[in-house]
């Protein structure tokens, strides 16, 4: 008798929960549960009761800017003063020299790394390491990784050299 009472109360709770959900309408790409709005927009009711609608973020429009007349714009610069975005030629030369130094350092580092990779690669036959003596696939994987690293490093060296030649050409 207790089991029947528990079962009946569970069924009543489920039925109440099903009736508590309001009808949801689809209006194009939006959803609403407002029947008056749905009727005015000609929305269609959605059948079924297991769905979730998560509202997205609202698109914020940028604030409108008031444009001042040209006469009220920034004051005119003196004829002899450089434009605000201009860099003094001596400062630009210093920047170029710094950039050249950085690129040359990177080139030396990349060339050193290339020499190390080529030495380890040993013309496609690097020495086998401990676990590679038993597992030939590990050896093949390492050889492929070395070859890819050499190719990547060659591309890096070529890129650095291109940048250096651009700096030299812009002088």
C-alpha atoms as a PDB file:
ATOM      1  CA  UNK A   1       0.000   0.000   0.000  1.00  0.00           C
ATOM      2  CA  UNK A   2       2.897   2.393   0.793  1.00  0.00           C
ATOM      3  CA  UNK A   3       4.472   1.645  -2.568  1.00  0.00           C
ATOM      4  CA  UNK A   4       1.283   2.601  -4.391  1.00  0.00           C
ATOM      5  CA  UNK A   5       1.078   5.852  -2.438  1.00  0.00           C
ATOM      6  CA  UNK A   6       4.706   6.755  -3.250  1.00  0.00           C
ATOM      7  CA  UNK A   7       4.183   5.877  -6.915  1.00  0.00           C
ATOM      8  CA  UNK A   8       1.020   7.970  -7.079  1.00  0.00           C
ATOM      9  CA  UNK A   9       2.729  10.986  -5.488  1.00  0.00           C
ATOM     10  CA  UNK A  10       5.658  10.703  -7.930  1.00  0.00           C
ATOM     11  CA  UNK A  11       3.294  10.607 -10.893  1.00  0.00           C
ATOM     12  CA  UNK A  12       1.439  13.630  -9.550  1.00  0.00           C
ATOM     13  CA  UNK A  13       4.706  15.555  -9.132  1.00  0.00           C
ATOM     14  CA  UNK A  14       5.795  14.755 -12.697  1.00  0.00           C
ATOM     15  CA  UNK A  15       2.423  15.773 -14.103  1.00  0.00           C
ATOM     16  CA  UNK A  16       2.520  19.043 -12.156  1.00  0.00           C
ATOM     17  CA  UNK A  17       6.036  19.814 -13.417  1.00  0.00           C
ATOM     18  CA  UNK A  18       4.979  19.137 -17.000  1.00  0.00           C
ATOM     19  CA  UNK A  19       2.013  21.477 -16.675  1.00  0.00           C
ATOM     20  CA  UNK A  20       4.178  24.169 -15.035  1.00  0.00           C
ATOM     21  CA  UNK A  21       6.286  24.636 -18.165  1.00  0.00           C
ATOM     22  CA  UNK A  22       5.005  27.339 -20.428  1.00  0.00           C
ATOM     23  CA  UNK A  23       4.734  26.982 -24.157  1.00  0.00           C
ATOM     24  CA  UNK A  24       7.770  28.207 -26.105  1.00  0.00           C
ATOM     25  CA  UNK A  25       7.507  29.804 -29.535  1.00  0.00           C
ATOM     26  CA  UNK A  26      10.132  30.129 -32.266  1.00  0.00           C
ATOM     27  CA  UNK A  27      10.296  33.432 -34.096  1.00  0.00           C
ATOM     28  CA  UNK A  28      12.940  32.955 -36.798  1.00  0.00           C
ATOM     29  CA  UNK A  29      16.222  32.677 -34.861  1.00  0.00           C
ATOM     30  CA  UNK A  30      14.775  33.843 -31.543  1.00  0.00           C
ATOM     31  CA  UNK A  31      12.606  32.110 -28.979  1.00  0.00           C
ATOM     32  CA  UNK A  32      10.000  33.476 -26.616  1.00  0.00           C
ATOM     33  CA  UNK A  33       7.504  32.236 -24.066  1.00  0.00           C
ATOM     34  CA  UNK A  34       5.334  35.354 -24.327  1.00  0.00           C
ATOM     35  CA  UNK A  35       2.157  34.210 -26.110  1.00  0.00           C
ATOM     36  CA  UNK A  36       1.076  37.757 -27.021  1.00  0.00           C
ATOM     37  CA  UNK A  37       4.463  38.552 -28.594  1.00  0.00           C
ATOM     38  CA  UNK A  38       4.469  35.218 -30.423  1.00  0.00           C
ATOM     39  CA  UNK A  39       1.002  35.860 -31.835  1.00  0.00           C
ATOM     40  CA  UNK A  40       1.873  39.390 -32.973  1.00  0.00           C
ATOM     41  CA  UNK A  41       5.046  38.199 -34.727  1.00  0.00           C
ATOM     42  CA  UNK A  42       3.482  35.050 -36.170  1.00  0.00           C
ATOM     43  CA  UNK A  43       5.775  32.683 -34.274  1.00  0.00           C
ATOM     44  CA  UNK A  44       5.320  28.923 -34.290  1.00  0.00           C
ATOM     45  CA  UNK A  45       5.000  26.837 -31.107  1.00  0.00           C
ATOM     46  CA  UNK A  46       7.725  24.283 -30.411  1.00  0.00           C
ATOM     47  CA  UNK A  47       6.544  20.764 -29.632  1.00  0.00           C
ATOM     48  CA  UNK A  48       8.251  18.683 -26.974  1.00  0.00           C
ATOM     49  CA  UNK A  49       9.398  19.729 -23.551  1.00  0.00           C
ATOM     50  CA  UNK A  50      13.089  18.882 -23.269  1.00  0.00           C
ATOM     51  CA  UNK A  51      15.015  21.800 -24.680  1.00  0.00           C
ATOM     52  CA  UNK A  52      17.299  24.475 -23.333  1.00  0.00           C
ATOM     53  CA  UNK A  53      17.673  28.003 -24.630  1.00  0.00           C
ATOM     54  CA  UNK A  54      20.758  29.926 -23.595  1.00  0.00           C
ATOM     55  CA  UNK A  55      20.619  33.607 -24.339  1.00  0.00           C
ATOM     56  CA  UNK A  56      23.718  34.920 -26.090  1.00  0.00           C
ATOM     57  CA  UNK A  57      25.536  38.128 -25.443  1.00  0.00           C
ATOM     58  CA  UNK A  58      24.106  41.353 -26.736  1.00  0.00           C
ATOM     59  CA  UNK A  59      25.919  43.185 -29.483  1.00  0.00           C
ATOM     60  CA  UNK A  60      27.101  46.543 -28.247  1.00  0.00           C
ATOM     61  CA  UNK A  61      26.998  49.370 -30.707  1.00  0.00           C
ATOM     62  CA  UNK A  62      29.824  51.869 -30.484  1.00  0.00           C
ATOM     63  CA  UNK A  63      28.830  55.233 -29.067  1.00  0.00           C
ATOM     64  CA  UNK A  64      28.161  57.872 -31.663  1.00  0.00           C
ATOM     65  CA  UNK A  65      30.863  60.495 -31.971  1.00  0.00           C
ATOM     66  CA  UNK A  66      30.194  64.139 -32.431  1.00  0.00           C
ATOM     67  CA  UNK A  67      32.454  65.516 -35.134  1.00  0.00           C
ATOM     68  CA  UNK A  68      33.741  69.013 -34.485  1.00  0.00           C
ATOM     69  CA  UNK A  69      34.023  71.451 -37.376  1.00  0.00           C
ATOM     70  CA  UNK A  70      37.388  71.581 -39.144  1.00  0.00           C
ATOM     71  CA  UNK A  71      38.209  74.981 -37.683  1.00  0.00           C
ATOM     72  CA  UNK A  72      37.865  73.596 -34.140  1.00  0.00           C
ATOM     73  CA  UNK A  73      40.162  70.665 -34.887  1.00  0.00           C
ATOM     74  CA  UNK A  74      43.688  70.420 -33.520  1.00  0.00           C
ATOM     75  CA  UNK A  75      45.712  73.587 -33.717  1.00  0.00           C
ATOM     76  CA  UNK A  76      48.008  73.962 -36.686  1.00  0.00           C
ATOM     77  CA  UNK A  77      51.601  72.872 -36.163  1.00  0.00           C
ATOM     78  CA  UNK A  78      54.448  75.228 -36.677  1.00  0.00           C
ATOM     79  CA  UNK A  79      55.911  75.025 -40.159  1.00  0.00           C
ATOM     80  CA  UNK A  80      59.332  73.816 -38.977  1.00  0.00           C
ATOM     81  CA  UNK A  81      58.176  71.119 -36.519  1.00  0.00           C
ATOM     82  CA  UNK A  82      58.047  67.487 -37.659  1.00  0.00           C
ATOM     83  CA  UNK A  83      54.748  65.571 -37.805  1.00  0.00           C
ATOM     84  CA  UNK A  84      53.888  63.817 -34.521  1.00  0.00           C
ATOM     85  CA  UNK A  85      54.349  60.314 -36.002  1.00  0.00           C
ATOM     86  CA  UNK A  86      57.706  61.089 -37.570  1.00  0.00           C
ATOM     87  CA  UNK A  87      60.894  59.724 -36.042  1.00  0.00           C
ATOM     88  CA  UNK A  88      64.125  61.659 -36.100  1.00  0.00           C
ATOM     89  CA  UNK A  89      66.562  60.213 -38.664  1.00  0.00           C
ATOM     90  CA  UNK A  90      69.285  59.618 -36.070  1.00  0.00           C
ATOM     91  CA  UNK A  91      66.782  57.788 -33.856  1.00  0.00           C
ATOM     92  CA  UNK A  92      65.682  55.693 -36.841  1.00  0.00           C
ATOM     93  CA  UNK A  93      69.308  54.816 -37.614  1.00  0.00           C
ATOM     94  CA  UNK A  94      69.753  53.716 -34.004  1.00  0.00           C
ATOM     95  CA  UNK A  95      66.630  51.553 -34.241  1.00  0.00           C
ATOM     96  CA  UNK A  96      67.866  50.026 -37.499  1.00  0.00           C
ATOM     97  CA  UNK A  97      71.244  49.281 -35.911  1.00  0.00           C
ATOM     98  CA  UNK A  98      69.515  47.592 -32.963  1.00  0.00           C
ATOM     99  CA  UNK A  99      67.348  45.552 -35.310  1.00  0.00           C
ATOM    100  CA  UNK A 100      70.407  44.520 -37.326  1.00  0.00           C
ATOM    101  CA  UNK A 101      72.237  43.465 -34.154  1.00  0.00           C
ATOM    102  CA  UNK A 102      69.268  41.404 -32.984  1.00  0.00           C
ATOM    103  CA  UNK A 103      68.906  39.732 -36.389  1.00  0.00           C
ATOM    104  CA  UNK A 104      72.629  38.952 -36.574  1.00  0.00           C
ATOM    105  CA  UNK A 105      72.502  37.393 -33.095  1.00  0.00           C
ATOM    106  CA  UNK A 106      69.475  35.316 -34.090  1.00  0.00           C
ATOM    107  CA  UNK A 107      71.224  34.242 -37.297  1.00  0.00           C
ATOM    108  CA  UNK A 108      74.303  33.076 -35.372  1.00  0.00           C
ATOM    109  CA  UNK A 109      72.110  31.176 -32.926  1.00  0.00           C
ATOM    110  CA  UNK A 110      70.156  29.517 -35.766  1.00  0.00           C
ATOM    111  CA  UNK A 111      73.343  28.583 -37.630  1.00  0.00           C
ATOM    112  CA  UNK A 112      74.809  27.048 -34.450  1.00  0.00           C
ATOM    113  CA  UNK A 113      71.603  25.084 -33.922  1.00  0.00           C
ATOM    114  CA  UNK A 114      71.711  23.952 -37.563  1.00  0.00           C
ATOM    115  CA  UNK A 115      75.260  22.657 -37.150  1.00  0.00           C
ATOM    116  CA  UNK A 116      74.211  20.723 -34.023  1.00  0.00           C
ATOM    117  CA  UNK A 117      71.199  19.229 -35.801  1.00  0.00           C
ATOM    118  CA  UNK A 118      73.251  18.188 -38.834  1.00  0.00           C
ATOM    119  CA  UNK A 119      75.874  16.601 -36.588  1.00  0.00           C
ATOM    120  CA  UNK A 120      73.211  14.651 -34.698  1.00  0.00           C
ATOM    121  CA  UNK A 121      71.406  13.709 -37.941  1.00  0.00           C
ATOM    122  CA  UNK A 122      74.658  12.218 -39.325  1.00  0.00           C
ATOM    123  CA  UNK A 123      73.506  12.116 -42.969  1.00  0.00           C
ATOM    124  CA  UNK A 124      70.262  10.338 -42.083  1.00  0.00           C
ATOM    125  CA  UNK A 125      71.863   7.724 -39.837  1.00  0.00           C
ATOM    126  CA  UNK A 126      72.023   9.113 -36.291  1.00  0.00           C
ATOM    127  CA  UNK A 127      73.365   6.919 -33.534  1.00  0.00           C
ATOM    128  CA  UNK A 128      70.755   4.822 -31.787  1.00  0.00           C
ATOM    129  CA  UNK A 129      69.929   5.790 -28.240  1.00  0.00           C
ATOM    130  CA  UNK A 130      69.205   3.304 -25.413  1.00  0.00           C
ATOM    131  CA  UNK A 131      65.560   2.282 -25.978  1.00  0.00           C
ATOM    132  CA  UNK A 132      65.889   2.652 -29.764  1.00  0.00           C
ATOM    133  CA  UNK A 133      68.059  -0.456 -30.033  1.00  0.00           C
ATOM    134  CA  UNK A 134      65.025  -2.615 -29.200  1.00  0.00           C
ATOM    135  CA  UNK A 135      62.329  -0.422 -30.735  1.00  0.00           C
ATOM    136  CA  UNK A 136      63.196   0.481 -34.319  1.00  0.00           C
ATOM    137  CA  UNK A 137      60.063   2.655 -34.705  1.00  0.00           C
ATOM    138  CA  UNK A 138      61.296   5.023 -31.982  1.00  0.00           C
ATOM    139  CA  UNK A 139      64.528   5.393 -33.940  1.00  0.00           C
ATOM    140  CA  UNK A 140      62.631   6.130 -37.169  1.00  0.00           C
ATOM    141  CA  UNK A 141      60.437   8.672 -35.372  1.00  0.00           C
ATOM    142  CA  UNK A 142      63.492  10.463 -33.991  1.00  0.00           C
ATOM    143  CA  UNK A 143      65.131  10.513 -37.435  1.00  0.00           C
ATOM    144  CA  UNK A 144      61.960  12.032 -38.922  1.00  0.00           C
ATOM    145  CA  UNK A 145      61.814  14.644 -36.132  1.00  0.00           C
ATOM    146  CA  UNK A 146      65.458  15.565 -36.717  1.00  0.00           C
ATOM    147  CA  UNK A 147      64.861  15.929 -40.451  1.00  0.00           C
ATOM    148  CA  UNK A 148      61.815  18.163 -39.820  1.00  0.00           C
ATOM    149  CA  UNK A 149      63.792  20.259 -37.317  1.00  0.00           C
ATOM    150  CA  UNK A 150      66.585  20.729 -39.861  1.00  0.00           C
ATOM    151  CA  UNK A 151      64.085  21.838 -42.510  1.00  0.00           C
ATOM    152  CA  UNK A 152      62.407  24.265 -40.092  1.00  0.00           C
ATOM    153  CA  UNK A 153      65.729  25.689 -39.005  1.00  0.00           C
ATOM    154  CA  UNK A 154      66.822  26.156 -42.641  1.00  0.00           C
ATOM    155  CA  UNK A 155      63.615  28.119 -43.263  1.00  0.00           C
ATOM    156  CA  UNK A 156      64.313  30.241 -40.169  1.00  0.00           C
ATOM    157  CA  UNK A 157      67.838  30.995 -41.377  1.00  0.00           C
ATOM    158  CA  UNK A 158      66.541  31.965 -44.819  1.00  0.00           C
ATOM    159  CA  UNK A 159      63.949  34.284 -43.242  1.00  0.00           C
ATOM    160  CA  UNK A 160      66.517  35.981 -41.033  1.00  0.00           C
ATOM    161  CA  UNK A 161      68.798  36.494 -44.013  1.00  0.00           C
ATOM    162  CA  UNK A 162      65.905  38.045 -45.972  1.00  0.00           C
ATOM    163  CA  UNK A 163      65.240  40.449 -43.119  1.00  0.00           C
ATOM    164  CA  UNK A 164      68.909  41.382 -42.944  1.00  0.00           C
ATOM    165  CA  UNK A 165      69.001  42.043 -46.678  1.00  0.00           C
ATOM    166  CA  UNK A 166      65.901  44.279 -46.354  1.00  0.00           C
ATOM    167  CA  UNK A 167      67.620  46.298 -43.653  1.00  0.00           C
ATOM    168  CA  UNK A 168      70.701  46.669 -45.841  1.00  0.00           C
ATOM    169  CA  UNK A 169      68.591  47.638 -48.882  1.00  0.00           C
ATOM    170  CA  UNK A 170      66.652  50.289 -46.942  1.00  0.00           C
ATOM    171  CA  UNK A 171      69.842  52.182 -46.060  1.00  0.00           C
END
